[in-house]
Each structure stands twice: as C-alpha cells, then as structure tokens.
Amino acid sequence: MAILGVGNPMRGDDGLGPHAARRLAQEPPPRTLVLDVESVPEAFTGKVEEFGATHVVIIDAANLGGAPGETRLIEGSQIKGVAISTHSLPLTIFIHYVEEAVGAEVRVVGVQPASLGLGEGLTPRVEEAVDKVVEILRRILSG
C-alpha cells in the first residue's frame, strides 16, 4: 500500500493531502509507504513502483460540490467528473500511469475544501476531516 498526500500547502485547504501524509508518516502503518508529494505526484512514481505497491491511496482536496470537510472515496476511473485541485500534471494522467505501468489499483480520498487562499492554513472543518481520514487509514492498515 502506498499513500500519497497531494496538494499545495501554500493554498489553504489544498494542503490537506500533504498535512495528512506528514501525520501518517510520523507512525506509518505496517507495510505502507507514505509520501508527501505536494503538487508533483508524478515525481514519485519511481518510489511507488520500487516499493511494489498493489494499491495506492491519494489524499487530496476535491471539489465534490458538498460542504467543507465532506469526504468521499473515489475510484481512479471516476476522477473525470470530479474537479481535483490544481497540480503540475493533471491527476488523471498520474492515476492512469500508476494503474497501467505499476499495476496498482488507485483510489482517491477527496475532501471538499473551504478555502484555497494563498498563505492560509487548513480551515477547522477540513482539519477535522483530515484527522478522521488519518485515524481511519491507521485503523484499517494496522489490522
């Protein structure tokens, strides 16, 4: 299993993925690669491939059309209809590459942001959602 925290920490709630990855990396679940990839997940495909991940979970801000902090598990193939935060390479291309070249199943934990303002930290509702995501992932991956 590989968990990738995607997003720009300088843009408010878009930094939720890196925030979650840093929290998970403090005590990584067994047999789990945890990476804070910020807005360049494609730069880490080699690490994911070397690790031999069969499953990849991407944690990222996603415009779900819901309330701030709303969270959904999204299959990689469903991303087409979901506006994911801005990255140097569209997340759909990265997901397709990981699924095809690495052979891993990809899921995205999308969290609805409240604010993407420059220089802001996470908003309270999004920070609560990230806490829950981290707790759930730890519980599931620790057996």
N, C-alpha and C. Protein backbone atom coordinates (compact mmCIF):
# COMPACT_ATOMS: atom_id res chain seq x y z
N MET A 1 0.85 -1.17 0.00
CA MET A 1 0.00 0.00 0.00
C MET A 1 0.89 1.23 0.00
N ALA A 2 0.55 2.18 -0.83
CA ALA A 2 1.22 3.49 -0.81
C ALA A 2 0.15 4.55 -0.60
N ILE A 3 0.45 5.51 0.25
CA ILE A 3 -0.44 6.64 0.50
C ILE A 3 0.31 7.89 0.09
N LEU A 4 -0.33 8.67 -0.79
CA LEU A 4 0.29 9.89 -1.29
C LEU A 4 -0.55 11.10 -0.89
N GLY A 5 0.07 12.03 -0.21
CA GLY A 5 -0.59 13.28 0.15
C GLY A 5 -0.31 14.31 -0.93
N VAL A 6 -1.35 14.69 -1.68
CA VAL A 6 -1.22 15.58 -2.83
C VAL A 6 -1.84 16.94 -2.52
N GLY A 7 -1.17 18.01 -2.95
CA GLY A 7 -1.73 19.34 -2.79
C GLY A 7 -0.67 20.38 -2.52
N ASN A 8 -1.09 21.62 -2.51
CA ASN A 8 -0.19 22.74 -2.30
C ASN A 8 -0.42 23.32 -0.90
N PRO A 9 0.52 23.11 0.03
CA PRO A 9 0.34 23.60 1.39
C PRO A 9 0.27 25.12 1.51
N MET A 10 0.64 25.83 0.45
CA MET A 10 0.59 27.29 0.47
C MET A 10 -0.78 27.83 0.06
N ARG A 11 -1.71 26.93 -0.27
CA ARG A 11 -3.04 27.35 -0.74
C ARG A 11 -4.15 26.81 0.17
N GLY A 12 -4.09 27.17 1.42
CA GLY A 12 -5.16 26.83 2.35
C GLY A 12 -5.47 25.34 2.40
N ASP A 13 -6.73 25.00 2.19
CA ASP A 13 -7.18 23.61 2.30
C ASP A 13 -6.61 22.69 1.22
N ASP A 14 -6.01 23.25 0.16
CA ASP A 14 -5.37 22.39 -0.84
C ASP A 14 -4.20 21.65 -0.22
N GLY A 15 -3.71 22.12 0.93
CA GLY A 15 -2.61 21.45 1.62
C GLY A 15 -3.04 20.29 2.49
N LEU A 16 -4.31 19.88 2.42
CA LEU A 16 -4.78 18.80 3.29
C LEU A 16 -4.10 17.47 3.01
N GLY A 17 -3.78 17.18 1.76
CA GLY A 17 -3.12 15.91 1.43
C GLY A 17 -1.73 15.82 2.05
N PRO A 18 -0.86 16.82 1.81
CA PRO A 18 0.44 16.80 2.47
C PRO A 18 0.35 16.78 4.00
N HIS A 19 -0.62 17.51 4.55
CA HIS A 19 -0.82 17.51 6.00
C HIS A 19 -1.13 16.10 6.50
N ALA A 20 -2.04 15.41 5.82
CA ALA A 20 -2.40 14.04 6.20
C ALA A 20 -1.20 13.11 6.06
N ALA A 21 -0.44 13.24 4.97
CA ALA A 21 0.73 12.38 4.76
C ALA A 21 1.78 12.58 5.86
N ARG A 22 2.02 13.82 6.21
CA ARG A 22 3.01 14.09 7.27
C ARG A 22 2.56 13.46 8.60
N ARG A 23 1.27 13.54 8.89
CA ARG A 23 0.74 12.93 10.13
C ARG A 23 0.89 11.41 10.09
N LEU A 24 0.54 10.81 8.95
CA LEU A 24 0.66 9.36 8.82
C LEU A 24 2.11 8.90 8.87
N ALA A 25 3.02 9.69 8.32
CA ALA A 25 4.43 9.32 8.27
C ALA A 25 5.08 9.33 9.65
N GLN A 26 4.49 10.03 10.60
CA GLN A 26 5.05 10.04 11.96
C GLN A 26 5.05 8.64 12.56
N GLU A 27 4.00 7.89 12.27
CA GLU A 27 3.89 6.49 12.70
C GLU A 27 3.24 5.73 11.55
N PRO A 28 4.03 5.41 10.51
CA PRO A 28 3.41 4.79 9.34
C PRO A 28 2.83 3.40 9.65
N PRO A 29 1.69 3.10 9.09
CA PRO A 29 1.13 1.76 9.26
C PRO A 29 2.09 0.72 8.68
N PRO A 30 2.04 -0.50 9.17
CA PRO A 30 2.93 -1.55 8.66
C PRO A 30 2.75 -1.75 7.15
N ARG A 31 3.84 -2.06 6.47
CA ARG A 31 3.86 -2.38 5.03
C ARG A 31 3.21 -1.27 4.20
N THR A 32 3.40 -0.03 4.63
CA THR A 32 2.79 1.11 3.94
C THR A 32 3.85 2.17 3.66
N LEU A 33 3.92 2.59 2.42
CA LEU A 33 4.77 3.70 2.01
C LEU A 33 3.93 4.97 2.08
N VAL A 34 4.37 5.94 2.85
CA VAL A 34 3.64 7.20 2.99
C VAL A 34 4.52 8.31 2.44
N LEU A 35 4.00 9.06 1.46
CA LEU A 35 4.77 10.13 0.83
C LEU A 35 3.97 11.42 0.77
N ASP A 36 4.62 12.51 1.15
CA ASP A 36 4.08 13.85 0.95
C ASP A 36 4.62 14.29 -0.41
N VAL A 37 3.77 14.26 -1.43
CA VAL A 37 4.22 14.55 -2.80
C VAL A 37 3.85 15.96 -3.25
N GLU A 38 3.22 16.71 -2.37
CA GLU A 38 2.75 18.06 -2.68
C GLU A 38 2.06 18.10 -4.04
N SER A 39 2.46 18.98 -4.94
CA SER A 39 1.73 19.12 -6.21
C SER A 39 2.45 18.44 -7.38
N VAL A 40 3.39 17.53 -7.08
CA VAL A 40 4.10 16.82 -8.15
C VAL A 40 4.12 15.31 -7.90
N PRO A 41 2.95 14.67 -7.86
CA PRO A 41 2.95 13.23 -7.59
C PRO A 41 3.72 12.43 -8.64
N GLU A 42 3.77 12.94 -9.87
CA GLU A 42 4.48 12.21 -10.93
C GLU A 42 5.96 12.05 -10.64
N ALA A 43 6.53 12.91 -9.80
CA ALA A 43 7.95 12.80 -9.44
C ALA A 43 8.22 11.62 -8.51
N PHE A 44 7.16 10.99 -8.00
CA PHE A 44 7.32 9.91 -7.03
C PHE A 44 6.88 8.55 -7.58
N THR A 45 6.59 8.47 -8.88
CA THR A 45 6.14 7.19 -9.44
C THR A 45 7.20 6.11 -9.28
N GLY A 46 8.47 6.49 -9.40
CA GLY A 46 9.54 5.52 -9.23
C GLY A 46 9.55 4.91 -7.84
N LYS A 47 9.35 5.73 -6.81
CA LYS A 47 9.32 5.22 -5.44
C LYS A 47 8.13 4.27 -5.23
N VAL A 48 6.98 4.63 -5.80
CA VAL A 48 5.80 3.78 -5.67
C VAL A 48 6.05 2.45 -6.37
N GLU A 49 6.66 2.51 -7.56
CA GLU A 49 6.96 1.29 -8.32
C GLU A 49 8.00 0.44 -7.59
N GLU A 50 9.07 1.05 -7.10
CA GLU A 50 10.12 0.32 -6.35
C GLU A 50 9.54 -0.36 -5.13
N PHE A 51 8.63 0.32 -4.45
CA PHE A 51 8.02 -0.24 -3.24
C PHE A 51 7.16 -1.46 -3.57
N GLY A 52 6.68 -1.53 -4.81
CA GLY A 52 5.84 -2.65 -5.22
C GLY A 52 4.41 -2.54 -4.74
N ALA A 53 3.92 -1.31 -4.66
CA ALA A 53 2.55 -1.10 -4.17
C ALA A 53 1.53 -1.72 -5.11
N THR A 54 0.61 -2.45 -4.54
CA THR A 54 -0.50 -3.01 -5.32
C THR A 54 -1.72 -2.10 -5.24
N HIS A 55 -1.72 -1.23 -4.24
CA HIS A 55 -2.80 -0.28 -4.04
C HIS A 55 -2.20 1.08 -3.69
N VAL A 56 -2.78 2.13 -4.25
CA VAL A 56 -2.34 3.49 -3.97
C VAL A 56 -3.55 4.30 -3.55
N VAL A 57 -3.42 4.99 -2.43
CA VAL A 57 -4.46 5.90 -1.96
C VAL A 57 -3.89 7.31 -2.03
N ILE A 58 -4.59 8.16 -2.77
CA ILE A 58 -4.21 9.56 -2.89
C ILE A 58 -5.16 10.37 -2.02
N ILE A 59 -4.59 11.21 -1.16
CA ILE A 59 -5.41 12.10 -0.33
C ILE A 59 -5.26 13.49 -0.91
N ASP A 60 -6.39 14.11 -1.29
CA ASP A 60 -6.33 15.39 -1.99
C ASP A 60 -7.61 16.18 -1.78
N ALA A 61 -7.50 17.48 -1.96
CA ALA A 61 -8.68 18.33 -1.98
C ALA A 61 -9.44 18.06 -3.27
N ALA A 62 -10.76 18.01 -3.18
CA ALA A 62 -11.58 17.74 -4.36
C ALA A 62 -12.85 18.56 -4.29
N ASN A 63 -13.22 19.15 -5.41
CA ASN A 63 -14.47 19.90 -5.47
C ASN A 63 -15.60 18.90 -5.66
N LEU A 64 -16.18 18.47 -4.54
CA LEU A 64 -17.24 17.47 -4.55
C LEU A 64 -18.63 18.10 -4.63
N GLY A 65 -18.67 19.42 -4.56
CA GLY A 65 -19.95 20.11 -4.57
C GLY A 65 -20.68 19.99 -3.24
N GLY A 66 -19.94 19.65 -2.19
CA GLY A 66 -20.57 19.47 -0.89
C GLY A 66 -20.09 20.50 0.12
N ALA A 67 -20.36 20.19 1.36
CA ALA A 67 -19.97 21.07 2.47
C ALA A 67 -18.47 20.90 2.75
N PRO A 68 -17.82 21.96 3.22
CA PRO A 68 -16.40 21.84 3.58
C PRO A 68 -16.17 20.68 4.54
N GLY A 69 -15.16 19.88 4.24
CA GLY A 69 -14.84 18.72 5.05
C GLY A 69 -15.52 17.45 4.60
N GLU A 70 -16.53 17.55 3.70
CA GLU A 70 -17.17 16.34 3.19
C GLU A 70 -16.10 15.49 2.52
N THR A 71 -16.15 14.19 2.76
CA THR A 71 -15.11 13.29 2.29
C THR A 71 -15.72 12.14 1.51
N ARG A 72 -15.07 11.79 0.40
CA ARG A 72 -15.52 10.65 -0.41
C ARG A 72 -14.34 9.83 -0.87
N LEU A 73 -14.56 8.52 -0.99
CA LEU A 73 -13.58 7.63 -1.59
C LEU A 73 -13.96 7.50 -3.06
N ILE A 74 -13.03 7.86 -3.93
CA ILE A 74 -13.31 7.93 -5.37
C ILE A 74 -12.39 6.97 -6.10
N GLU A 75 -12.94 6.14 -6.98
CA GLU A 75 -12.11 5.27 -7.81
C GLU A 75 -11.40 6.13 -8.84
N GLY A 76 -10.19 5.70 -9.21
CA GLY A 76 -9.41 6.45 -10.19
C GLY A 76 -10.17 6.73 -11.47
N SER A 77 -10.96 5.77 -11.93
CA SER A 77 -11.71 5.93 -13.17
C SER A 77 -12.84 6.96 -13.05
N GLN A 78 -13.23 7.30 -11.83
CA GLN A 78 -14.31 8.27 -11.60
C GLN A 78 -13.82 9.71 -11.61
N ILE A 79 -12.54 9.92 -11.63
CA ILE A 79 -11.99 11.27 -11.49
C ILE A 79 -12.46 12.20 -12.61
N LYS A 80 -12.76 11.67 -13.77
CA LYS A 80 -13.17 12.51 -14.90
C LYS A 80 -14.23 13.54 -14.51
N GLY A 81 -15.22 13.14 -13.72
CA GLY A 81 -16.31 14.04 -13.37
C GLY A 81 -16.09 14.82 -12.10
N VAL A 82 -14.93 14.67 -11.47
CA VAL A 82 -14.65 15.33 -10.21
C VAL A 82 -13.49 16.28 -10.40
N ALA A 83 -13.66 17.54 -10.05
CA ALA A 83 -12.60 18.53 -10.21
C ALA A 83 -11.64 18.44 -9.05
N ILE A 84 -10.46 17.90 -9.32
CA ILE A 84 -9.43 17.77 -8.30
C ILE A 84 -8.58 19.03 -8.32
N SER A 85 -7.92 19.33 -7.22
CA SER A 85 -7.12 20.55 -7.13
C SER A 85 -6.04 20.61 -8.21
N THR A 86 -5.50 21.80 -8.42
CA THR A 86 -4.55 22.05 -9.49
C THR A 86 -3.18 21.45 -9.16
N HIS A 87 -2.62 20.73 -10.14
CA HIS A 87 -1.30 20.14 -9.99
C HIS A 87 -0.51 20.41 -11.26
N SER A 88 0.82 20.16 -11.21
CA SER A 88 1.64 20.43 -12.38
C SER A 88 1.25 19.51 -13.54
N LEU A 89 0.79 18.32 -13.25
CA LEU A 89 0.29 17.37 -14.24
C LEU A 89 -1.11 16.97 -13.78
N PRO A 90 -2.08 16.91 -14.68
CA PRO A 90 -3.42 16.50 -14.22
C PRO A 90 -3.37 15.17 -13.48
N LEU A 91 -4.07 15.10 -12.37
CA LEU A 91 -4.07 13.90 -11.54
C LEU A 91 -4.55 12.68 -12.32
N THR A 92 -5.44 12.89 -13.29
CA THR A 92 -5.94 11.76 -14.08
C THR A 92 -4.82 11.07 -14.84
N ILE A 93 -3.86 11.84 -15.35
CA ILE A 93 -2.73 11.25 -16.09
C ILE A 93 -1.86 10.44 -15.12
N PHE A 94 -1.60 10.99 -13.95
CA PHE A 94 -0.82 10.26 -12.95
C PHE A 94 -1.52 8.96 -12.56
N ILE A 95 -2.81 9.02 -12.31
CA ILE A 95 -3.57 7.83 -11.92
C ILE A 95 -3.50 6.77 -13.02
N HIS A 96 -3.72 7.19 -14.25
CA HIS A 96 -3.67 6.25 -15.38
C HIS A 96 -2.29 5.59 -15.46
N TYR A 97 -1.24 6.37 -15.31
CA TYR A 97 0.11 5.82 -15.37
C TYR A 97 0.32 4.79 -14.26
N VAL A 98 -0.06 5.12 -13.05
CA VAL A 98 0.14 4.20 -11.92
C VAL A 98 -0.66 2.91 -12.14
N GLU A 99 -1.88 3.05 -12.62
CA GLU A 99 -2.69 1.84 -12.87
C GLU A 99 -2.10 0.98 -13.98
N GLU A 100 -1.63 1.60 -15.05
CA GLU A 100 -1.12 0.85 -16.19
C GLU A 100 0.32 0.37 -15.99
N ALA A 101 1.23 1.27 -15.65
CA ALA A 101 2.65 0.93 -15.57
C ALA A 101 3.02 0.19 -14.29
N VAL A 102 2.45 0.62 -13.18
CA VAL A 102 2.78 -0.01 -11.90
C VAL A 102 1.85 -1.20 -11.64
N GLY A 103 0.65 -1.15 -12.18
CA GLY A 103 -0.31 -2.23 -11.98
C GLY A 103 -1.04 -2.13 -10.64
N ALA A 104 -1.05 -0.94 -10.06
CA ALA A 104 -1.70 -0.75 -8.75
C ALA A 104 -3.10 -0.20 -8.94
N GLU A 105 -3.98 -0.60 -8.04
CA GLU A 105 -5.32 0.00 -8.00
C GLU A 105 -5.22 1.33 -7.29
N VAL A 106 -5.87 2.36 -7.85
CA VAL A 106 -5.78 3.70 -7.28
C VAL A 106 -7.15 4.16 -6.80
N ARG A 107 -7.16 4.72 -5.60
CA ARG A 107 -8.35 5.35 -5.03
C ARG A 107 -7.93 6.73 -4.55
N VAL A 108 -8.87 7.65 -4.60
CA VAL A 108 -8.63 9.00 -4.11
C VAL A 108 -9.56 9.25 -2.94
N VAL A 109 -8.99 9.70 -1.83
CA VAL A 109 -9.79 10.20 -0.72
C VAL A 109 -9.89 11.69 -0.97
N GLY A 110 -11.04 12.12 -1.45
CA GLY A 110 -11.27 13.52 -1.76
C GLY A 110 -11.97 14.21 -0.61
N VAL A 111 -11.46 15.38 -0.25
CA VAL A 111 -12.05 16.17 0.83
C VAL A 111 -12.41 17.54 0.25
N GLN A 112 -13.66 17.95 0.46
CA GLN A 112 -14.13 19.24 -0.03
C GLN A 112 -13.43 20.37 0.73
N PRO A 113 -12.71 21.23 0.01
CA PRO A 113 -12.06 22.36 0.68
C PRO A 113 -13.06 23.48 0.96
N ALA A 114 -12.70 24.33 1.91
CA ALA A 114 -13.50 25.52 2.18
C ALA A 114 -12.80 26.74 1.59
N SER A 115 -11.47 26.77 1.66
CA SER A 115 -10.72 27.92 1.20
C SER A 115 -9.41 27.48 0.55
N LEU A 116 -9.08 28.10 -0.58
CA LEU A 116 -7.83 27.81 -1.26
C LEU A 116 -6.95 29.06 -1.33
N GLY A 117 -7.14 29.96 -0.38
CA GLY A 117 -6.41 31.22 -0.36
C GLY A 117 -4.93 31.04 -0.09
N LEU A 118 -4.13 31.87 -0.71
CA LEU A 118 -2.68 31.84 -0.53
C LEU A 118 -2.30 32.14 0.91
N GLY A 119 -1.37 31.35 1.43
CA GLY A 119 -0.82 31.59 2.75
C GLY A 119 -1.69 31.19 3.92
N GLU A 120 -2.85 30.66 3.66
CA GLU A 120 -3.74 30.24 4.74
C GLU A 120 -3.46 28.79 5.13
N GLY A 121 -3.75 28.44 6.36
CA GLY A 121 -3.66 27.06 6.80
C GLY A 121 -4.97 26.35 6.54
N LEU A 122 -5.10 25.14 7.08
CA LEU A 122 -6.34 24.39 6.93
C LEU A 122 -7.45 25.03 7.75
N THR A 123 -8.65 25.05 7.18
CA THR A 123 -9.81 25.54 7.91
C THR A 123 -10.22 24.47 8.94
N PRO A 124 -10.91 24.86 10.00
CA PRO A 124 -11.25 23.90 11.07
C PRO A 124 -12.01 22.66 10.58
N ARG A 125 -13.02 22.84 9.72
CA ARG A 125 -13.81 21.67 9.27
C ARG A 125 -12.97 20.72 8.44
N VAL A 126 -12.06 21.27 7.63
CA VAL A 126 -11.20 20.42 6.81
C VAL A 126 -10.16 19.73 7.69
N GLU A 127 -9.65 20.43 8.68
CA GLU A 127 -8.68 19.80 9.59
C GLU A 127 -9.34 18.65 10.35
N GLU A 128 -10.59 18.80 10.76
CA GLU A 128 -11.32 17.71 11.41
C GLU A 128 -11.47 16.52 10.47
N ALA A 129 -11.79 16.80 9.20
CA ALA A 129 -11.94 15.72 8.21
C ALA A 129 -10.61 14.99 8.02
N VAL A 130 -9.52 15.73 7.96
CA VAL A 130 -8.19 15.12 7.80
C VAL A 130 -7.88 14.24 9.01
N ASP A 131 -8.20 14.70 10.21
CA ASP A 131 -7.99 13.89 11.42
C ASP A 131 -8.73 12.57 11.31
N LYS A 132 -9.98 12.61 10.83
CA LYS A 132 -10.78 11.38 10.69
C LYS A 132 -10.19 10.46 9.63
N VAL A 133 -9.76 11.03 8.50
CA VAL A 133 -9.16 10.22 7.43
C VAL A 133 -7.90 9.52 7.94
N VAL A 134 -7.04 10.25 8.64
CA VAL A 134 -5.81 9.68 9.18
C VAL A 134 -6.14 8.56 10.16
N GLU A 135 -7.10 8.79 11.04
CA GLU A 135 -7.49 7.79 12.04
C GLU A 135 -8.04 6.53 11.36
N ILE A 136 -8.89 6.71 10.37
CA ILE A 136 -9.48 5.56 9.67
C ILE A 136 -8.41 4.77 8.92
N LEU A 137 -7.52 5.46 8.21
CA LEU A 137 -6.46 4.77 7.48
C LEU A 137 -5.56 3.99 8.44
N ARG A 138 -5.19 4.60 9.56
CA ARG A 138 -4.35 3.91 10.55
C ARG A 138 -5.04 2.65 11.05
N ARG A 139 -6.32 2.78 11.36
CA ARG A 139 -7.08 1.64 11.90
C ARG A 139 -7.16 0.51 10.88
N ILE A 140 -7.49 0.85 9.63
CA ILE A 140 -7.63 -0.17 8.58
C ILE A 140 -6.30 -0.83 8.29
N LEU A 141 -5.24 -0.05 8.15
CA LEU A 141 -3.94 -0.58 7.72
C LEU A 141 -3.15 -1.23 8.85
N SER A 142 -3.56 -1.00 10.08
CA SER A 142 -2.85 -1.63 11.20
C SER A 142 -3.49 -2.95 11.61
N GLY A 143 -4.53 -3.35 10.88
CA GLY A 143 -5.12 -4.65 11.11
C GLY A 143 -6.31 -4.59 11.99
